[in-house]
Protein backbone atom coordinates (compact mmCIF):
# COMPACT_ATOMS: atom_id res chain seq x y z
CA MET A 1 -7.27 -16.12 29.22
CA SER A 2 -7.25 -19.00 26.62
CA PHE A 3 -8.16 -16.09 24.17
CA TRP A 4 -5.23 -14.01 25.34
CA ARG A 5 -2.74 -16.81 25.24
CA LEU A 6 -3.62 -17.47 21.69
CA GLU A 7 -3.41 -13.56 20.71
CA TRP A 8 0.20 -13.83 22.54
CA LYS A 9 1.21 -16.72 20.53
CA ILE A 10 -0.16 -15.66 17.43
CA GLY A 11 1.90 -12.57 17.80
CA ALA A 12 4.85 -14.24 18.84
CA LEU A 13 4.62 -16.59 15.80
CA LEU A 14 4.50 -13.06 13.85
CA VAL A 15 6.82 -11.42 15.61
CA GLY A 16 9.01 -14.19 15.22
CA GLY A 17 8.63 -15.03 11.56
CA PHE A 18 9.22 -11.20 10.86
CA LEU A 19 12.53 -11.12 12.55
CA ILE A 20 13.51 -14.69 10.93
CA THR A 21 12.84 -12.87 7.41
CA TYR A 22 14.56 -9.66 8.32
CA LEU A 23 17.66 -11.66 9.43
CA PHE A 24 17.52 -14.55 7.18
CA PRO A 25 21.43 -15.34 6.30
CA VAL A 26 20.25 -15.65 2.73
CA GLU A 27 24.31 -15.57 1.33
CA ALA A 28 25.74 -18.11 4.09
CA LEU A 29 22.86 -20.36 3.38
CA ASN A 30 23.21 -20.27 -0.45
CA GLU A 31 27.23 -20.90 -0.04
CA LEU A 32 26.34 -23.66 2.20
CA LEU A 33 23.74 -25.43 0.34
CA ALA A 34 24.11 -24.23 -3.48
CA LEU A 35 20.55 -23.50 -3.59
CA PRO A 36 18.98 -23.16 -7.12
CA ASP A 37 18.45 -19.35 -8.10
CA PRO A 38 14.76 -18.99 -8.24
CA PHE A 39 14.70 -20.26 -4.49
CA VAL A 40 17.56 -17.87 -3.73
CA GLU A 41 15.51 -15.08 -4.83
CA SER A 42 12.55 -15.64 -3.21
CA LEU A 43 14.42 -15.57 0.16
CA ALA A 44 16.06 -12.43 -0.87
CA LEU A 45 12.82 -10.88 -1.97
CA ALA A 46 11.04 -11.65 1.16
CA ARG A 47 14.07 -10.10 3.27
CA TRP A 48 14.44 -6.93 0.95
CA TYR A 49 10.74 -6.97 1.97
CA ALA A 50 10.33 -7.54 5.46
CA ARG A 51 13.53 -4.67 5.72
CA GLU A 52 12.13 -1.96 3.53
CA HIS A 53 8.66 -2.18 4.41
CA VAL A 54 6.91 -4.14 6.92
CA LEU A 55 8.24 -1.32 9.70
CA LEU A 56 7.88 1.73 7.66
CA CYS A 57 5.23 0.97 5.51
CA LEU A 58 2.94 -1.48 6.65
CA ILE A 59 2.63 -1.09 10.42
CA PRO A 60 1.95 2.87 10.13
CA ALA A 61 -0.99 1.88 7.78
CA PHE A 62 -2.24 -0.83 9.92
CA PHE A 63 -2.84 1.85 12.71
CA ILE A 64 -4.24 4.02 10.12
CA ALA A 65 -6.57 1.31 8.92
CA GLY A 66 -7.66 0.45 12.70
CA ALA A 67 -8.22 4.20 13.32
CA ILE A 68 -10.63 4.24 10.43
CA GLY A 69 -12.78 1.44 12.41
CA VAL A 70 -12.66 2.94 15.53
CA PHE A 71 -12.40 7.08 15.30
CA VAL A 72 -14.31 7.57 12.06
CA SER A 73 -18.08 7.49 11.93
CA GLN A 74 -19.55 4.72 10.04
CA GLY A 75 -22.30 7.76 8.96
CA ALA A 76 -19.34 9.46 7.87
CA VAL A 77 -17.90 6.87 5.78
CA THR A 78 -21.18 5.99 4.12
CA LYS A 79 -22.14 9.90 3.59
CA TYR A 80 -18.87 10.58 1.29
CA LEU A 81 -18.15 6.86 0.31
CA GLY A 82 -21.38 4.86 0.56
CA PRO A 83 -23.05 3.37 -2.27
CA ARG A 84 -25.99 6.09 -1.85
CA ALA A 85 -23.09 8.86 -1.79
CA ASN A 86 -22.99 11.40 -4.48
CA LYS A 87 -20.90 9.81 -7.17
CA ALA A 88 -19.15 12.54 -8.10
CA LEU A 89 -18.30 13.42 -4.46
CA ALA A 90 -17.32 9.62 -3.76
CA TYR A 91 -15.30 9.10 -6.83
CA GLY A 92 -13.68 12.15 -6.25
CA VAL A 93 -12.72 11.21 -2.40
CA ALA A 94 -11.68 7.81 -2.90
CA SER A 95 -9.33 8.66 -6.02
CA VAL A 96 -7.61 12.22 -4.34
CA SER A 97 -7.16 10.44 -0.65
CA GLY A 98 -5.55 7.25 -2.33
CA SER A 99 -3.19 9.92 -4.69
CA VAL A 100 -2.08 11.50 -1.66
CA LEU A 101 -0.75 8.66 0.25
CA ALA A 102 1.83 7.35 -2.50
CA VAL A 103 1.94 3.85 -1.15
CA CYS A 104 2.94 0.75 -3.00
CA SER A 105 0.33 -1.96 -3.61
CA CYS A 106 0.54 -4.20 -0.55
CA THR A 107 0.86 -0.96 1.63
CA VAL A 108 -2.64 0.52 0.32
CA LEU A 109 -4.45 -2.84 1.64
CA PRO A 110 -5.12 -2.05 5.15
CA LEU A 111 -6.67 1.04 4.27
CA PHE A 112 -8.47 -0.37 1.48
CA ALA A 113 -9.94 -2.86 4.10
CA GLY A 114 -10.86 -0.10 6.69
CA ILE A 115 -12.86 2.18 4.10
CA TYR A 116 -14.41 -1.03 2.85
CA LYS A 117 -15.68 -2.88 6.23
CA ARG A 118 -16.78 0.75 7.72
CA GLY A 119 -19.16 1.06 4.57
CA ALA A 120 -17.36 2.48 1.70
CA GLY A 121 -19.43 1.46 -1.59
CA LEU A 122 -17.02 -1.39 -3.37
CA GLY A 123 -16.92 1.26 -6.58
CA PRO A 124 -15.51 4.12 -4.54
CA ALA A 125 -13.37 1.82 -2.19
CA ALA A 126 -11.93 0.03 -5.82
CA ALA A 127 -10.69 3.44 -7.05
CA PHE A 128 -9.42 4.21 -3.59
CA LEU A 129 -7.33 0.72 -4.19
CA TYR A 130 -6.24 1.55 -7.51
CA SER A 131 -5.54 5.10 -7.07
CA GLY A 132 -3.47 5.10 -3.72
CA PRO A 133 -0.18 2.98 -5.74
CA ALA A 134 -0.96 4.11 -9.33
CA ILE A 135 -1.47 7.98 -9.01
CA ASN A 136 1.93 8.40 -7.06
CA VAL A 137 2.52 11.94 -8.27
CA LEU A 138 6.53 11.88 -7.24
CA ALA A 139 6.28 8.49 -9.71
CA ILE A 140 4.64 10.57 -12.19
CA ILE A 141 7.20 13.00 -12.29
CA LEU A 142 10.28 10.29 -12.59
CA THR A 143 8.24 8.39 -15.19
CA ALA A 144 8.46 11.96 -17.37
CA ARG A 145 12.08 12.66 -16.83
CA VAL A 146 13.70 9.01 -17.13
CA LEU A 147 11.30 7.30 -19.50
CA GLY A 148 10.08 10.84 -21.48
CA VAL A 149 7.28 13.43 -21.09
CA GLU A 150 5.20 11.28 -23.45
CA ILE A 151 5.11 8.38 -21.46
CA GLY A 152 4.58 10.52 -18.34
CA VAL A 153 1.96 12.72 -19.29
CA ALA A 154 0.13 8.86 -20.55
CA ARG A 155 0.32 7.45 -17.56
CA ALA A 156 -0.75 10.04 -15.66
CA VAL A 157 -4.10 10.56 -17.53
CA GLY A 158 -4.04 6.80 -18.24
CA ALA A 159 -4.09 6.22 -13.95
CA ALA A 160 -6.59 8.75 -13.36
CA VAL A 161 -9.09 7.85 -15.53
CA PHE A 162 -8.68 4.15 -14.38
CA ALA A 163 -9.13 4.73 -11.05
CA VAL A 164 -12.76 6.16 -11.69
CA VAL A 165 -13.59 3.60 -14.45
CA VAL A 166 -12.54 0.31 -12.49
CA GLY A 167 -14.75 2.07 -9.61
CA VAL A 168 -17.77 2.16 -11.50
CA ALA A 169 -17.50 -0.73 -13.51
CA MET A 170 -17.06 -2.42 -9.88
CA HIS A 171 -20.42 -0.50 -9.27
CA LEU A 172 -22.32 -1.22 -12.07
CA ILE A 173 -20.97 -5.18 -12.55
CA PHE A 174 -22.25 -5.87 -8.55
CA ARG A 175 -25.03 -3.28 -8.71
CA LYS A 176 -27.34 -5.71 -7.02
CA GLU A 177 -25.16 -6.35 -3.77
CA GLU A 178 -24.41 -2.62 -3.58
CA LEU A 179 -28.27 -1.86 -3.66
CA ALA A 180 -28.63 -4.92 -1.40
CA LYS A 181 -25.98 -2.86 1.20
CA ALA A 182 -27.41 0.37 0.57
CA ASP A 183 -30.51 -0.65 2.21
CA ALA A 184 -29.25 -1.76 4.79
CA GLN A 185 -27.26 0.73 5.54
CA ALA A 186 -30.42 2.92 5.58
CA GLY A 187 -32.05 1.36 8.33
CA LEU A 188 -29.30 1.42 10.88
CA PRO A 189 -29.83 3.78 13.11
CA GLU A 190 -27.55 7.13 13.26
CA GLU A 191 -24.42 7.17 15.22
CA PRO A 192 -24.31 10.14 17.72
CA ALA A 193 -21.95 12.96 17.22
CA GLY A 194 -18.53 12.14 18.40
CA ARG A 195 -15.44 14.62 18.59
CA PRO A 196 -15.62 17.42 16.19
CA LEU A 197 -14.43 16.15 12.29
CA TRP A 198 -11.50 18.92 12.21
CA GLN A 199 -9.89 16.97 15.11
CA THR A 200 -10.06 13.81 13.19
CA ALA A 201 -9.02 15.24 9.99
CA VAL A 202 -5.78 16.59 12.22
CA PHE A 203 -5.59 13.17 13.94
CA PHE A 204 -5.48 11.28 10.63
CA GLY A 205 -3.47 14.08 8.47
CA ALA A 206 -0.63 13.53 11.15
CA MET A 207 -0.49 9.86 10.77
CA ILE A 208 -0.38 9.53 6.86
CA ALA A 209 2.30 12.37 7.11
CA VAL A 210 4.24 9.72 9.07
CA LEU A 211 3.93 7.03 6.55
CA VAL A 212 4.50 9.36 3.85
CA PHE A 213 7.60 10.90 5.13
CA ALA A 214 9.01 8.03 6.45
CA ASN A 215 8.74 6.01 3.35
CA TRP A 216 10.10 9.35 1.07
CA GLY A 217 12.39 8.01 -1.71
CA ALA A 218 15.69 9.54 -3.07
CA PRO A 219 14.65 11.86 -6.37
CA ALA A 220 16.75 10.78 -9.40
CA GLU A 221 19.06 13.84 -9.32
CA PRO A 222 20.07 15.00 -5.69
CA VAL A 223 18.38 18.76 -6.63
CA GLY A 224 14.80 20.54 -6.22
CA VAL A 225 12.31 20.38 -3.95
CA TRP A 226 11.96 16.63 -3.72
CA HIS A 227 15.56 16.16 -2.99
CA VAL A 228 14.98 19.05 0.13
CA ILE A 229 11.82 16.66 1.53
CA TYR A 230 14.27 13.76 1.16
CA THR A 231 17.05 15.33 3.17
CA ALA A 232 14.35 16.51 5.97
CA LYS A 233 12.32 13.26 5.73
CA TRP A 234 13.07 11.94 9.08
CA TRP A 235 12.77 15.41 10.92
CA LEU A 236 9.53 16.25 9.03
CA THR A 237 8.44 12.46 10.07
CA GLY A 238 9.63 13.51 13.93
CA VAL A 239 7.29 16.85 13.69
CA ALA A 240 4.21 14.54 12.26
CA ALA A 241 4.54 12.30 15.20
CA LEU A 242 4.70 14.57 17.90
CA VAL A 243 1.54 15.97 16.21
CA VAL A 244 -0.22 12.55 16.77
CA ALA A 245 1.40 12.42 20.48
CA ALA A 246 -0.56 15.93 20.99
CA VAL A 247 -3.57 14.93 19.35
CA LEU A 248 -3.63 11.31 21.61
CA LEU A 249 -2.76 13.84 24.94
CA LEU A 250 -5.57 16.67 24.25
CA TRP A 251 -8.36 15.28 22.50
CA TYR A 252 -8.14 11.15 22.95
CA GLY A 253 -7.90 10.92 27.04
CA VAL A 254 -4.22 9.28 26.60
CA SER A 255 -2.53 10.13 30.08
CA TRP A 256 0.91 12.38 30.12
CA ARG A 257 2.22 9.11 32.10
CA GLY A 258 1.32 6.88 29.52
CA MET A 259 2.95 9.22 26.99
CA MET A 260 5.82 9.54 28.92
CA TRP A 261 7.37 5.95 28.13
CA PRO A 262 7.00 5.89 24.26
CA GLY A 263 8.58 9.49 24.08
CA VAL A 264 11.64 8.19 26.64
CA ALA A 265 12.13 5.10 24.51
CA VAL A 266 12.22 7.58 20.74
CA ALA A 267 14.26 9.59 22.69
CA GLY A 268 16.89 7.52 23.72
CA THR A 269 17.02 5.42 20.79
CA SER A 270 17.16 8.45 18.70
CA ALA A 271 20.37 9.80 20.48
CA ALA A 272 21.91 5.72 20.32
CA PHE A 273 21.30 5.15 17.10
CA SER A 274 21.09 8.45 15.28
CA SER A 275 22.54 7.12 11.95
CA HIS A 276 19.68 4.40 11.90
CA PRO A 277 16.35 6.33 11.87
CA SER A 278 14.67 3.07 11.81
CA VAL A 279 15.55 2.25 15.21
CA PRO A 280 13.57 5.21 17.21
CA PHE A 281 10.87 4.67 14.54
CA THR A 282 10.36 0.95 15.98
CA ALA A 283 10.79 1.87 19.10
CA GLY A 284 8.01 4.55 18.69
CA VAL A 285 5.61 1.87 17.49
CA VAL A 286 6.19 -0.61 20.57
CA GLY A 287 5.54 2.38 22.29
CA LEU A 288 2.78 3.37 20.90
CA SER A 289 1.14 -0.12 21.04
CA VAL A 290 1.81 -0.21 24.56
CA LEU A 291 0.30 3.06 25.23
CA ALA A 292 -2.87 1.67 23.33
CA THR A 293 -3.21 -1.48 24.52
CA ASN A 294 -3.06 -0.07 28.05
CA GLY A 295 -4.84 3.20 27.34
CA ASN A 296 -8.47 3.94 27.56
CA ASP A 297 -11.15 1.47 26.19
CA GLU A 298 -11.11 3.98 22.66
CA THR A 299 -7.27 3.24 22.23
CA ARG A 300 -7.73 -0.15 23.27
CA GLU A 301 -10.17 -1.02 20.42
CA TRP A 302 -7.70 1.01 17.96
CA PHE A 303 -4.81 -1.43 19.05
CA SER A 304 -7.17 -4.31 18.55
CA SER A 305 -8.73 -3.16 15.08
CA SER A 306 -5.10 -2.47 13.75
CA TRP A 307 -3.80 -6.05 15.18
CA THR A 308 -7.00 -7.66 13.66
CA PHE A 309 -6.05 -6.04 9.81
CA ALA A 310 -2.11 -7.27 10.70
CA LYS A 311 -3.05 -10.72 11.40
CA GLN A 312 -5.07 -10.92 8.63
CA ILE A 313 -2.49 -9.76 5.92
CA LEU A 314 0.87 -9.85 6.92
CA PRO A 315 0.89 -14.18 6.46
CA LEU A 316 -0.82 -13.66 3.24
CA LEU A 317 2.01 -10.81 2.01
CA LEU A 318 4.90 -12.95 2.87
CA VAL A 319 3.39 -16.28 1.15
CA GLY A 320 2.63 -13.50 -2.00
CA VAL A 321 5.99 -12.43 -1.95
CA LEU A 322 7.81 -15.64 -1.55
CA VAL A 323 5.91 -16.89 -4.59
CA ALA A 324 6.59 -13.55 -6.40
CA GLY A 325 10.45 -13.97 -6.02
CA LEU A 326 10.40 -17.59 -6.80
CA LEU A 327 8.34 -16.87 -10.31
CA LEU A 328 9.92 -13.58 -11.29
CA GLY A 329 12.79 -13.04 -9.29
CA ARG A 330 14.29 -9.28 -8.13
CA PRO A 331 15.32 -6.73 -10.58
CA GLY A 332 18.31 -7.55 -12.29
CA GLU A 333 17.73 -11.34 -10.96
CA GLU A 334 16.24 -14.22 -12.23
CA GLY A 335 13.43 -16.52 -11.02
CA LEU A 336 11.79 -19.37 -12.66
CA ILE A 337 10.39 -17.31 -15.60
CA PRO A 338 13.68 -15.69 -17.33
CA SER A 339 13.72 -12.04 -17.77
CA ALA A 340 14.73 -12.99 -21.39
CA TRP A 341 11.40 -14.41 -22.23
CA ILE A 342 9.43 -11.37 -20.86
CA SER A 343 11.55 -9.19 -22.89
CA ALA A 344 11.11 -11.08 -25.98
CA ALA A 345 7.52 -11.31 -25.58
CA VAL A 346 6.89 -7.35 -24.98
CA GLY A 347 8.34 -6.14 -28.11
CA GLY A 348 6.31 -4.35 -30.62
CA ASN A 349 2.77 -3.03 -30.15
CA SER A 350 0.91 -6.30 -30.78
CA VAL A 351 -2.67 -7.45 -28.71
CA PHE A 352 -0.37 -10.68 -27.20
CA ALA A 353 2.57 -7.65 -26.33
CA ASN A 354 0.27 -5.39 -24.40
CA LEU A 355 -2.02 -8.06 -22.61
CA PHE A 356 1.23 -10.10 -21.69
CA ALA A 357 3.02 -7.12 -20.26
CA SER A 358 -0.12 -6.08 -18.41
CA VAL A 359 -0.35 -9.63 -16.90
CA ALA A 360 3.30 -9.77 -16.14
CA GLY A 361 2.88 -6.40 -14.30
CA ALA A 362 0.05 -7.37 -12.52
CA LEU A 363 1.96 -10.42 -11.08
CA MET A 364 5.03 -8.86 -9.99
CA TYR A 365 5.58 -6.81 -6.66
CA PHE A 366 6.94 -3.25 -7.42
CA ALA A 367 7.99 -1.03 -4.60
CA THR A 368 7.08 2.45 -4.95
CA LEU A 369 9.22 3.97 -7.89
CA THR A 370 10.76 0.65 -8.43
CA GLU A 371 9.03 0.46 -11.78
CA VAL A 372 10.54 3.38 -13.46
CA PRO A 373 14.19 1.67 -13.46
CA ILE A 374 12.69 -1.83 -14.48
CA LEU A 375 10.89 0.32 -17.46
CA GLU A 376 14.19 1.74 -18.52
CA GLY A 377 15.78 -1.30 -18.81
CA LEU A 378 12.97 -3.36 -20.55
CA LEU A 379 12.57 -0.57 -22.89
CA GLY A 380 16.61 -0.48 -23.81
CA ASN A 381 15.97 -4.35 -24.56
CA GLY A 382 13.43 -3.73 -26.99
CA MET A 383 10.24 -3.34 -25.24
CA GLY A 384 7.54 -1.18 -27.15
CA LYS A 385 6.04 1.63 -25.48
CA GLY A 386 2.41 0.30 -25.76
CA PRO A 387 3.27 -2.42 -23.75
CA ALA A 388 5.43 -0.20 -20.97
CA LEU A 389 2.61 1.92 -20.56
CA ALA A 390 0.42 -1.47 -19.99
CA LEU A 391 3.06 -2.57 -17.12
CA LEU A 392 3.21 1.15 -15.52
CA LEU A 393 -1.13 1.14 -15.49
CA ALA A 394 -1.35 -2.80 -14.06
CA GLY A 395 2.21 -3.25 -12.32
CA PRO A 396 2.11 -0.83 -9.60
CA ALA A 397 -1.58 -1.29 -8.55
CA LEU A 398 -1.50 -4.87 -8.36
CA SER A 399 0.84 -8.08 -7.27
CA LEU A 400 0.63 -11.46 -6.48
CA PRO A 401 0.40 -10.79 -2.55
CA ASN A 402 -1.80 -7.57 -3.23
CA MET A 403 -4.24 -10.09 -4.56
CA LEU A 404 -3.89 -12.75 -2.12
CA VAL A 405 -5.18 -9.81 0.21
CA ILE A 406 -7.61 -8.47 -1.49
CA ARG A 407 -9.38 -11.94 -2.25
CA SER A 408 -9.62 -12.04 1.74
CA ILE A 409 -11.10 -9.04 2.11
CA MET A 410 -13.75 -8.84 -0.46
CA GLY A 411 -14.03 -12.36 -1.75
CA THR A 412 -12.90 -14.35 -5.24
CA ARG A 413 -15.69 -13.07 -7.54
CA LYS A 414 -15.20 -9.46 -6.76
CA THR A 415 -11.32 -9.99 -6.62
CA LEU A 416 -11.08 -11.85 -10.48
CA VAL A 417 -13.17 -9.00 -11.38
CA PHE A 418 -11.28 -5.86 -10.13
CA VAL A 419 -7.83 -7.88 -11.45
CA GLY A 420 -9.39 -8.66 -15.00
CA LEU A 421 -10.71 -5.03 -15.55
CA THR A 422 -7.34 -3.55 -14.59
CA VAL A 423 -5.53 -5.80 -16.79
CA LEU A 424 -7.58 -5.57 -19.99
CA MET A 425 -7.84 -1.85 -19.76
CA ALA A 426 -4.25 -1.81 -18.93
CA ALA A 427 -3.50 -3.71 -22.08
CA THR A 428 -6.37 -1.76 -24.38
CA THR A 429 -4.52 1.42 -22.99
CA GLY A 430 -1.16 0.41 -23.97
CA LEU A 431 -2.37 -0.89 -27.28
CA VAL A 432 -4.07 2.65 -28.28
CA TYR A 433 -0.96 4.55 -27.12
CA GLY A 434 1.48 2.44 -28.93
CA THR A 435 -0.62 2.99 -32.10
CA LEU A 436 -0.87 6.69 -31.62
CA ALA A 437 2.64 7.04 -30.70
CA GLY A 438 4.14 4.84 -33.70
């Protein structure tokens, strides 16, 4: 009984902290106390993150990560992504699956934790961790249109190669640990066959579709297929959610009575808040949580696994976002480190300029697609092409909040190596590109 009281207290703290952050009156408090600008930026960035990313990005990602731990057999993970898996297949699956998601450096974390703890090898898991935020098709297209085809192609090629190189390097550096992990997995008994693979694929495909369409950003110009998808994003999200509901009913043992209440909640809030789609989305999340906790053993385990990821990751992300806002501010605003210093440090194509751009990008938090307008402004202020590419390769894949969570998942040593590899490779690639581009 005390265990559940503790869980309820933790839940109340997390929900309360989220609501306070979401509703925090930053401007009113600033008028009252005249806070220093970096503190205002820290609070404003945390509020923006709570409003734009927690409900639509992280919550679906937690459910997907929890589902990986419950509905995907360990045998399947080790077969395709484990230390003894075929290397071409493992890195191919990791990089492609990461690129399909098109998520930011924080949203990818629950998914990375899910496959890593389920038995994926360090190399493929690291490739997935990098590819999720870095190999974003829409961001690469936007980069080419706004910053030029040359740098867009360089970003696409660099990110695709990086995912594999970083993964292989992580595997080689920690080869002894990976071999020991492989030997331990080899001694485990085979899991009994569960439901057909295609049913699991439909379930995960529908959940990923909810995540992708709910976060589909507006394109630079209101034309083309990207804009068509954007205008229909909530309809597409709704269709994907209906598929998730159908799968739970038909294949996962959820009752019609249990499914009725989330459906009524979503339908009611959709009618009452038609101009605010995030409200019925939130009602659906709450309904799914209630359904899972009161369902069969399998769905209860699913919720428990998702809840474990949320407890581990959310507090670290909040701390990281607050610190990132304090140091670097928001786009167009100032933190403790003036943006003029960054602009001055990344001019030309020196080793220092590329390394500085890579480190600065690794510490900053970029929401999906926001790196492009930021780079456009920096290039207009004299940033070199090489450092620009270095920031594009390191920035979207890393951030200070991201690093804090990675450390909690795979330890300090592996995190430092992963971050160091990404930063050094981004700086080196930027230096080479800047030299060739003249």
